[in-house]
C-alpha atoms as a PDB file:
ATOM      1  CA  MET A   1      77.813   1.553  62.165  1.00  0.00           C
ATOM      2  CA  GLU A   2      80.958  -0.479  62.701  1.00  0.00           C
ATOM      3  CA  LEU A   3      84.106   0.999  61.257  1.00  0.00           C
ATOM      4  CA  ASP A   4      86.021  -1.094  58.708  1.00  0.00           C
ATOM      5  CA  LEU A   5      89.542  -0.438  59.969  1.00  0.00           C
ATOM      6  CA  MET A   6      91.279  -1.851  56.909  1.00  0.00           C
ATOM      7  CA  GLN A   7      89.240   0.362  54.605  1.00  0.00           C
ATOM      8  CA  ALA A   8      89.855   3.369  56.862  1.00  0.00           C
ATOM      9  CA  LYS A   9      93.595   2.662  56.891  1.00  0.00           C
ATOM     10  CA  GLN A  10      93.713   2.357  53.102  1.00  0.00           C
ATOM     11  CA  TYR A  11      91.810   5.619  52.678  1.00  0.00           C
ATOM     12  CA  ILE A  12      94.022   7.494  55.151  1.00  0.00           C
ATOM     13  CA  ALA A  13      97.235   5.996  53.753  1.00  0.00           C
ATOM     14  CA  GLY A  14      96.154   7.090  50.281  1.00  0.00           C
ATOM     15  CA  LYS A  15      95.601  10.630  51.515  1.00  0.00           C
ATOM     16  CA  PHE A  16      99.055  10.695  53.101  1.00  0.00           C
ATOM     17  CA  LYS A  17     100.636   9.295  49.933  1.00  0.00           C
ATOM     18  CA  ASN A  18      98.875  11.854  47.724  1.00  0.00           C
ATOM     19  CA  GLN A  19      99.973  14.633  50.068  1.00  0.00           C
ATOM     20  CA  GLY A  20     103.595  13.465  49.811  1.00  0.00           C
ATOM     21  CA  ASP A  21     104.780  15.166  53.004  1.00  0.00           C
ATOM     22  CA  PHE A  22     105.815  11.950  54.779  1.00  0.00           C
ATOM     23  CA  GLU A  23     107.584  10.074  51.991  1.00  0.00           C
ATOM     24  CA  PHE A  24     110.752  10.007  54.113  1.00  0.00           C
ATOM     25  CA  VAL A  25     109.077   7.740  56.689  1.00  0.00           C
ATOM     26  CA  ALA A  26     110.012   4.088  56.185  1.00  0.00           C
ATOM     27  CA  GLU A  27     107.057   2.075  54.873  1.00  0.00           C
ATOM     28  CA  ALA A  28     107.052  -0.283  57.865  1.00  0.00           C
ATOM     29  CA  ASP A  29     107.097   2.665  60.275  1.00  0.00           C
ATOM     30  CA  PHE A  30     104.379   4.463  58.325  1.00  0.00           C
ATOM     31  CA  SER A  31     102.122   1.413  58.488  1.00  0.00           C
ATOM     32  CA  ALA A  32     102.850   0.873  62.185  1.00  0.00           C
ATOM     33  CA  MET A  33     102.166   4.542  62.932  1.00  0.00           C
ATOM     34  CA  LEU A  34      98.774   4.355  61.226  1.00  0.00           C
ATOM     35  CA  ASP A  35      97.971   1.104  63.036  1.00  0.00           C
ATOM     36  CA  ALA A  36      98.841   2.718  66.369  1.00  0.00           C
ATOM     37  CA  LEU A  37      96.634   5.739  65.690  1.00  0.00           C
ATOM     38  CA  LEU A  38      93.716   3.609  64.562  1.00  0.00           C
ATOM     39  CA  GLU A  39      94.025   1.444  67.671  1.00  0.00           C
ATOM     40  CA  ILE A  40      94.085   4.475  69.972  1.00  0.00           C
ATOM     41  CA  ASP A  41      91.146   6.024  68.132  1.00  0.00           C
ATOM     42  CA  VAL A  42      89.033   2.864  68.392  1.00  0.00           C
ATOM     43  CA  LYS A  43      89.841   2.414  72.082  1.00  0.00           C
ATOM     44  CA  TYR A  44      88.927   6.032  72.754  1.00  0.00           C
ATOM     45  CA  LEU A  45      85.616   5.655  70.924  1.00  0.00           C
ATOM     46  CA  GLU A  46      84.842   2.566  72.999  1.00  0.00           C
ATOM     47  CA  GLU A  47      85.777   4.457  76.150  1.00  0.00           C
ATOM     48  CA  ILE A  48      83.489   7.430  75.493  1.00  0.00           C
ATOM     49  CA  GLY A  49      80.628   5.399  74.032  1.00  0.00           C
ATOM     50  CA  ASP A  50      77.603   7.180  72.621  1.00  0.00           C
ATOM     51  CA  GLU A  51      77.102   9.452  75.606  1.00  0.00           C
ATOM     52  CA  LEU A  52      80.228  11.596  75.645  1.00  0.00           C
ATOM     53  CA  PRO A  53      81.470  13.931  72.907  1.00  0.00           C
ATOM     54  CA  TYR A  54      84.646  13.187  70.967  1.00  0.00           C
ATOM     55  CA  ASP A  55      87.261  15.449  72.560  1.00  0.00           C
ATOM     56  CA  GLU A  56      89.746  16.251  69.792  1.00  0.00           C
ATOM     57  CA  ASP A  57      92.257  17.788  72.195  1.00  0.00           C
ATOM     58  CA  GLU A  58      92.220  14.730  74.460  1.00  0.00           C
ATOM     59  CA  ILE A  59      92.606  12.215  71.641  1.00  0.00           C
ATOM     60  CA  PHE A  60      95.288  14.327  69.953  1.00  0.00           C
ATOM     61  CA  GLU A  61      97.345  14.307  73.152  1.00  0.00           C
ATOM     62  CA  ARG A  62      96.947  10.544  73.557  1.00  0.00           C
ATOM     63  CA  MET A  63      97.935   9.860  69.967  1.00  0.00           C
ATOM     64  CA  HIS A  64     100.870  12.236  70.030  1.00  0.00           C
ATOM     65  CA  ALA A  65     102.202  10.807  73.296  1.00  0.00           C
ATOM     66  CA  ALA A  66     101.919   7.240  71.988  1.00  0.00           C
ATOM     67  CA  LEU A  67     103.753   8.007  68.758  1.00  0.00           C
ATOM     68  CA  LYS A  68     106.473   9.940  70.603  1.00  0.00           C
ATOM     69  CA  ALA A  69     107.066   6.878  72.770  1.00  0.00           C
ATOM     70  CA  LYS A  70     107.061   4.387  69.879  1.00  0.00           C
ATOM     71  CA  PHE A  71     108.738   6.458  67.153  1.00  0.00           C
ATOM     72  CA  PRO A  72     111.129   8.923  68.797  1.00  0.00           C
ATOM     73  CA  SER A  73     113.215   9.306  65.636  1.00  0.00           C
ATOM     74  CA  TYR A  74     110.293  11.132  63.988  1.00  0.00           C
ATOM     75  CA  LYS A  75     109.513  13.378  66.974  1.00  0.00           C
ATOM     76  CA  THR A  76     109.828  16.600  64.965  1.00  0.00           C
ATOM     77  CA  TYR A  77     107.069  15.486  62.604  1.00  0.00           C
ATOM     78  CA  LEU A  78     104.645  13.649  64.868  1.00  0.00           C
ATOM     79  CA  MET A  79     102.356  16.550  65.756  1.00  0.00           C
ATOM     80  CA  ARG A  80     101.739  17.154  62.068  1.00  0.00           C
ATOM     81  CA  PHE A  81     101.317  13.430  61.393  1.00  0.00           C
ATOM     82  CA  VAL A  82      98.654  13.111  64.100  1.00  0.00           C
ATOM     83  CA  ASP A  83      96.902  16.286  62.948  1.00  0.00           C
ATOM     84  CA  ASP A  84      96.822  15.071  59.347  1.00  0.00           C
ATOM     85  CA  TYR A  85      95.603  11.647  60.484  1.00  0.00           C
ATOM     86  CA  MET A  86      92.728  13.265  62.360  1.00  0.00           C
ATOM     87  CA  ASP A  87      91.775  15.354  59.306  1.00  0.00           C
ATOM     88  CA  PHE A  88      91.951  12.339  56.997  1.00  0.00           C
ATOM     89  CA  MET A  89      89.922  10.183  59.400  1.00  0.00           C
ATOM     90  CA  GLU A  90      87.243  12.847  59.535  1.00  0.00           C
ATOM     91  CA  GLU A  91      87.199  12.990  55.722  1.00  0.00           C
ATOM     92  CA  TYR A  92      86.882   9.203  55.621  1.00  0.00           C
ATOM     93  CA  LEU A  93      83.996   9.192  58.090  1.00  0.00           C
ATOM     94  CA  VAL A  94      82.210  11.901  56.111  1.00  0.00           C
ATOM     95  CA  SER A  95      82.788   9.927  52.896  1.00  0.00           C
ATOM     96  CA  ILE A  96      80.985   6.885  54.337  1.00  0.00           C
ATOM     97  CA  ASP A  97      78.265   9.047  55.932  1.00  0.00           C
ATOM     98  CA  ALA A  98      79.277   8.047  59.461  1.00  0.00           C
ATOM     99  CA  VAL A  99      79.460  11.527  60.984  1.00  0.00           C
ATOM    100  CA  GLU A 100      76.615  13.178  62.821  1.00  0.00           C
ATOM    101  CA  TRP A 101      77.144  16.893  63.288  1.00  0.00           C
ATOM    102  CA  GLU A 102      75.635  18.543  66.340  1.00  0.00           C
END
């Protein structure tokens, strides 16, 4: 199943908006942060393919490091942002029946 990135982004953005914890982030930054995380996630999935397991610690570190480099003014909040993104992405994947639990 190929992931519809626009649909995933809309779903995740909606979850963030409903949560309300990141309303202080400028809209352009918020969108760019989500785009960056989606890009890293997709690249990681391509890298591991179907053979290797999804290593949540590894991808968290990659995402966090990338956001720290691109958005240093939000550094205090980035760990939480990445963690929430990962939770919301998992919820999205479950909602479209794209997750296989081992």
